[in-house]
């Protein structure tokens, strides 16, 4: 095989409601990126991107959130990380779910895909 597996790219497509672009962009800049930087500092991810779809076709997301990581994690590791996230965010799961629900007023998750980078050997 001329390729080997590289990093995983988790891509979430977001539909932002008309007139809510600034509100969602502020959330991304103040919260989402802060959390991505925390994950990067822990070595959990190697990078992330916020991408704007300049010409979305009917039904396509207008924002894509990308998180890049090297390997899948175990259930035990997921639990360990969840506890660290809660400590980092000084929050509770109920509060975090309520905050996520509040974003539902101005954005909808449209799709989630997991891509694997293919590196030439």
C-alpha atoms as a PDB file:
ATOM      1  CA  UNK A   1       0.000   0.000   0.000  1.00  0.00           C
ATOM      2  CA  UNK A   2       1.488   3.366  -0.972  1.00  0.00           C
ATOM      3  CA  UNK A   3      -0.253   5.066   1.980  1.00  0.00           C
ATOM      4  CA  UNK A   4      -0.152   4.803   5.743  1.00  0.00           C
ATOM      5  CA  UNK A   5      -2.695   6.129   8.215  1.00  0.00           C
ATOM      6  CA  UNK A   6      -2.089   9.601   9.546  1.00  0.00           C
ATOM      7  CA  UNK A   7      -4.086  11.728  11.948  1.00  0.00           C
ATOM      8  CA  UNK A   8      -7.838  11.645  12.440  1.00  0.00           C
ATOM      9  CA  UNK A   9      -9.816  14.739  11.465  1.00  0.00           C
ATOM     10  CA  UNK A  10     -13.142  15.117  13.263  1.00  0.00           C
ATOM     11  CA  UNK A  11     -15.291  17.537  11.248  1.00  0.00           C
ATOM     12  CA  UNK A  12     -18.555  18.990  12.531  1.00  0.00           C
ATOM     13  CA  UNK A  13     -20.762  20.940  10.137  1.00  0.00           C
ATOM     14  CA  UNK A  14     -22.675  23.799  11.755  1.00  0.00           C
ATOM     15  CA  UNK A  15     -25.702  25.634  10.345  1.00  0.00           C
ATOM     16  CA  UNK A  16     -25.724  29.158  11.802  1.00  0.00           C
ATOM     17  CA  UNK A  17     -29.090  30.925  11.658  1.00  0.00           C
ATOM     18  CA  UNK A  18     -29.336  34.146   9.660  1.00  0.00           C
ATOM     19  CA  UNK A  19     -28.412  37.118  11.812  1.00  0.00           C
ATOM     20  CA  UNK A  20     -26.578  34.974  14.385  1.00  0.00           C
ATOM     21  CA  UNK A  21     -23.120  34.887  12.833  1.00  0.00           C
ATOM     22  CA  UNK A  22     -21.555  37.341  15.271  1.00  0.00           C
ATOM     23  CA  UNK A  23     -23.100  35.636  18.295  1.00  0.00           C
ATOM     24  CA  UNK A  24     -21.793  32.219  17.218  1.00  0.00           C
ATOM     25  CA  UNK A  25     -18.395  33.610  16.190  1.00  0.00           C
ATOM     26  CA  UNK A  26     -18.084  35.160  19.661  1.00  0.00           C
ATOM     27  CA  UNK A  27     -18.853  31.780  21.262  1.00  0.00           C
ATOM     28  CA  UNK A  28     -16.228  30.094  19.077  1.00  0.00           C
ATOM     29  CA  UNK A  29     -13.584  32.734  19.812  1.00  0.00           C
ATOM     30  CA  UNK A  30     -14.235  32.871  23.565  1.00  0.00           C
ATOM     31  CA  UNK A  31     -15.150  29.270  24.403  1.00  0.00           C
ATOM     32  CA  UNK A  32     -14.544  26.709  21.678  1.00  0.00           C
ATOM     33  CA  UNK A  33     -11.004  27.858  20.875  1.00  0.00           C
ATOM     34  CA  UNK A  34     -10.189  28.139  24.589  1.00  0.00           C
ATOM     35  CA  UNK A  35     -11.197  24.496  25.032  1.00  0.00           C
ATOM     36  CA  UNK A  36      -9.260  23.419  21.943  1.00  0.00           C
ATOM     37  CA  UNK A  37      -6.148  25.144  23.276  1.00  0.00           C
ATOM     38  CA  UNK A  38      -6.612  23.294  26.580  1.00  0.00           C
ATOM     39  CA  UNK A  39      -6.867  19.962  24.740  1.00  0.00           C
ATOM     40  CA  UNK A  40      -3.800  20.849  22.679  1.00  0.00           C
ATOM     41  CA  UNK A  41      -1.819  21.755  25.821  1.00  0.00           C
ATOM     42  CA  UNK A  42      -2.681  18.309  27.249  1.00  0.00           C
ATOM     43  CA  UNK A  43      -1.490  16.599  24.057  1.00  0.00           C
ATOM     44  CA  UNK A  44      -4.991  15.262  23.359  1.00  0.00           C
ATOM     45  CA  UNK A  45      -5.175  16.975  19.958  1.00  0.00           C
ATOM     46  CA  UNK A  46      -2.545  18.216  17.551  1.00  0.00           C
ATOM     47  CA  UNK A  47      -4.587  21.000  15.988  1.00  0.00           C
ATOM     48  CA  UNK A  48      -7.950  22.491  15.127  1.00  0.00           C
ATOM     49  CA  UNK A  49      -9.583  24.763  12.565  1.00  0.00           C
ATOM     50  CA  UNK A  50     -12.675  26.918  12.232  1.00  0.00           C
ATOM     51  CA  UNK A  51     -13.624  26.996   8.552  1.00  0.00           C
ATOM     52  CA  UNK A  52     -16.272  29.123   6.864  1.00  0.00           C
ATOM     53  CA  UNK A  53     -18.135  27.753   3.859  1.00  0.00           C
ATOM     54  CA  UNK A  54     -18.177  30.851   1.659  1.00  0.00           C
ATOM     55  CA  UNK A  55     -20.659  29.420  -0.846  1.00  0.00           C
ATOM     56  CA  UNK A  56     -22.878  26.877   0.929  1.00  0.00           C
ATOM     57  CA  UNK A  57     -25.302  25.018  -1.308  1.00  0.00           C
ATOM     58  CA  UNK A  58     -28.839  24.346  -0.111  1.00  0.00           C
ATOM     59  CA  UNK A  59     -28.652  22.291   3.077  1.00  0.00           C
ATOM     60  CA  UNK A  60     -24.889  22.581   3.556  1.00  0.00           C
ATOM     61  CA  UNK A  61     -23.372  23.861   6.809  1.00  0.00           C
ATOM     62  CA  UNK A  62     -21.871  27.349   6.706  1.00  0.00           C
ATOM     63  CA  UNK A  63     -19.239  26.639   9.392  1.00  0.00           C
ATOM     64  CA  UNK A  64     -17.019  23.585   9.896  1.00  0.00           C
ATOM     65  CA  UNK A  65     -15.204  22.845  13.151  1.00  0.00           C
ATOM     66  CA  UNK A  66     -12.188  20.562  12.725  1.00  0.00           C
ATOM     67  CA  UNK A  67     -10.275  18.801  15.492  1.00  0.00           C
ATOM     68  CA  UNK A  68      -7.140  16.805  14.619  1.00  0.00           C
ATOM     69  CA  UNK A  69      -5.854  13.980  16.810  1.00  0.00           C
ATOM     70  CA  UNK A  70      -3.457  11.073  16.417  1.00  0.00           C
ATOM     71  CA  UNK A  71      -5.317   8.148  17.945  1.00  0.00           C
ATOM     72  CA  UNK A  72      -8.666   6.998  19.267  1.00  0.00           C
ATOM     73  CA  UNK A  73      -9.051   6.825  23.042  1.00  0.00           C
ATOM     74  CA  UNK A  74     -10.359   4.159  25.405  1.00  0.00           C
ATOM     75  CA  UNK A  75     -13.483   4.549  27.533  1.00  0.00           C
ATOM     76  CA  UNK A  76     -11.267   4.899  30.598  1.00  0.00           C
ATOM     77  CA  UNK A  77      -9.257   7.686  28.964  1.00  0.00           C
ATOM     78  CA  UNK A  78     -12.476   9.421  27.884  1.00  0.00           C
ATOM     79  CA  UNK A  79     -13.691   9.394  31.517  1.00  0.00           C
ATOM     80  CA  UNK A  80     -10.347  10.747  32.749  1.00  0.00           C
ATOM     81  CA  UNK A  81     -10.429  13.556  30.203  1.00  0.00           C
ATOM     82  CA  UNK A  82     -14.059  14.418  30.994  1.00  0.00           C
ATOM     83  CA  UNK A  83     -13.089  15.002  34.624  1.00  0.00           C
ATOM     84  CA  UNK A  84     -10.199  17.244  33.556  1.00  0.00           C
ATOM     85  CA  UNK A  85     -12.552  19.199  31.226  1.00  0.00           C
ATOM     86  CA  UNK A  86     -14.977  19.800  34.084  1.00  0.00           C
ATOM     87  CA  UNK A  87     -12.166  21.022  36.322  1.00  0.00           C
ATOM     88  CA  UNK A  88     -10.775  23.240  33.556  1.00  0.00           C
ATOM     89  CA  UNK A  89     -14.193  24.730  32.847  1.00  0.00           C
ATOM     90  CA  UNK A  90     -15.127  24.921  36.558  1.00  0.00           C
ATOM     91  CA  UNK A  91     -18.508  23.663  35.495  1.00  0.00           C
ATOM     92  CA  UNK A  92     -20.831  20.746  35.881  1.00  0.00           C
ATOM     93  CA  UNK A  93     -22.154  18.487  33.170  1.00  0.00           C
ATOM     94  CA  UNK A  94     -25.676  19.882  33.672  1.00  0.00           C
ATOM     95  CA  UNK A  95     -24.418  23.459  33.245  1.00  0.00           C
ATOM     96  CA  UNK A  96     -22.422  22.534  30.137  1.00  0.00           C
ATOM     97  CA  UNK A  97     -25.470  20.793  28.621  1.00  0.00           C
ATOM     98  CA  UNK A  98     -27.629  23.850  29.364  1.00  0.00           C
ATOM     99  CA  UNK A  99     -25.068  26.109  27.675  1.00  0.00           C
ATOM    100  CA  UNK A 100     -25.038  23.801  24.648  1.00  0.00           C
ATOM    101  CA  UNK A 101     -28.839  23.865  24.579  1.00  0.00           C
ATOM    102  CA  UNK A 102     -28.731  27.683  24.605  1.00  0.00           C
ATOM    103  CA  UNK A 103     -26.658  27.621  21.415  1.00  0.00           C
ATOM    104  CA  UNK A 104     -29.456  25.635  19.777  1.00  0.00           C
ATOM    105  CA  UNK A 105     -31.322  28.944  19.489  1.00  0.00           C
ATOM    106  CA  UNK A 106     -28.890  30.176  16.851  1.00  0.00           C
ATOM    107  CA  UNK A 107     -27.053  27.158  15.449  1.00  0.00           C
ATOM    108  CA  UNK A 108     -27.698  23.533  14.510  1.00  0.00           C
ATOM    109  CA  UNK A 109     -25.205  20.719  14.182  1.00  0.00           C
ATOM    110  CA  UNK A 110     -25.707  19.504  10.629  1.00  0.00           C
ATOM    111  CA  UNK A 111     -23.207  16.721  10.243  1.00  0.00           C
ATOM    112  CA  UNK A 112     -20.301  14.993  11.864  1.00  0.00           C
ATOM    113  CA  UNK A 113     -17.677  13.007   9.999  1.00  0.00           C
ATOM    114  CA  UNK A 114     -14.416  11.368  10.951  1.00  0.00           C
ATOM    115  CA  UNK A 115     -11.724  11.465   8.292  1.00  0.00           C
ATOM    116  CA  UNK A 116      -8.356   9.738   8.367  1.00  0.00           C
ATOM    117  CA  UNK A 117      -5.408  11.462   6.773  1.00  0.00           C
ATOM    118  CA  UNK A 118      -3.629   9.300   4.212  1.00  0.00           C
ATOM    119  CA  UNK A 119       0.135   9.828   4.161  1.00  0.00           C
ATOM    120  CA  UNK A 120       2.294   8.674   1.276  1.00  0.00           C
ATOM    121  CA  UNK A 121       4.837   6.119   2.433  1.00  0.00           C
END
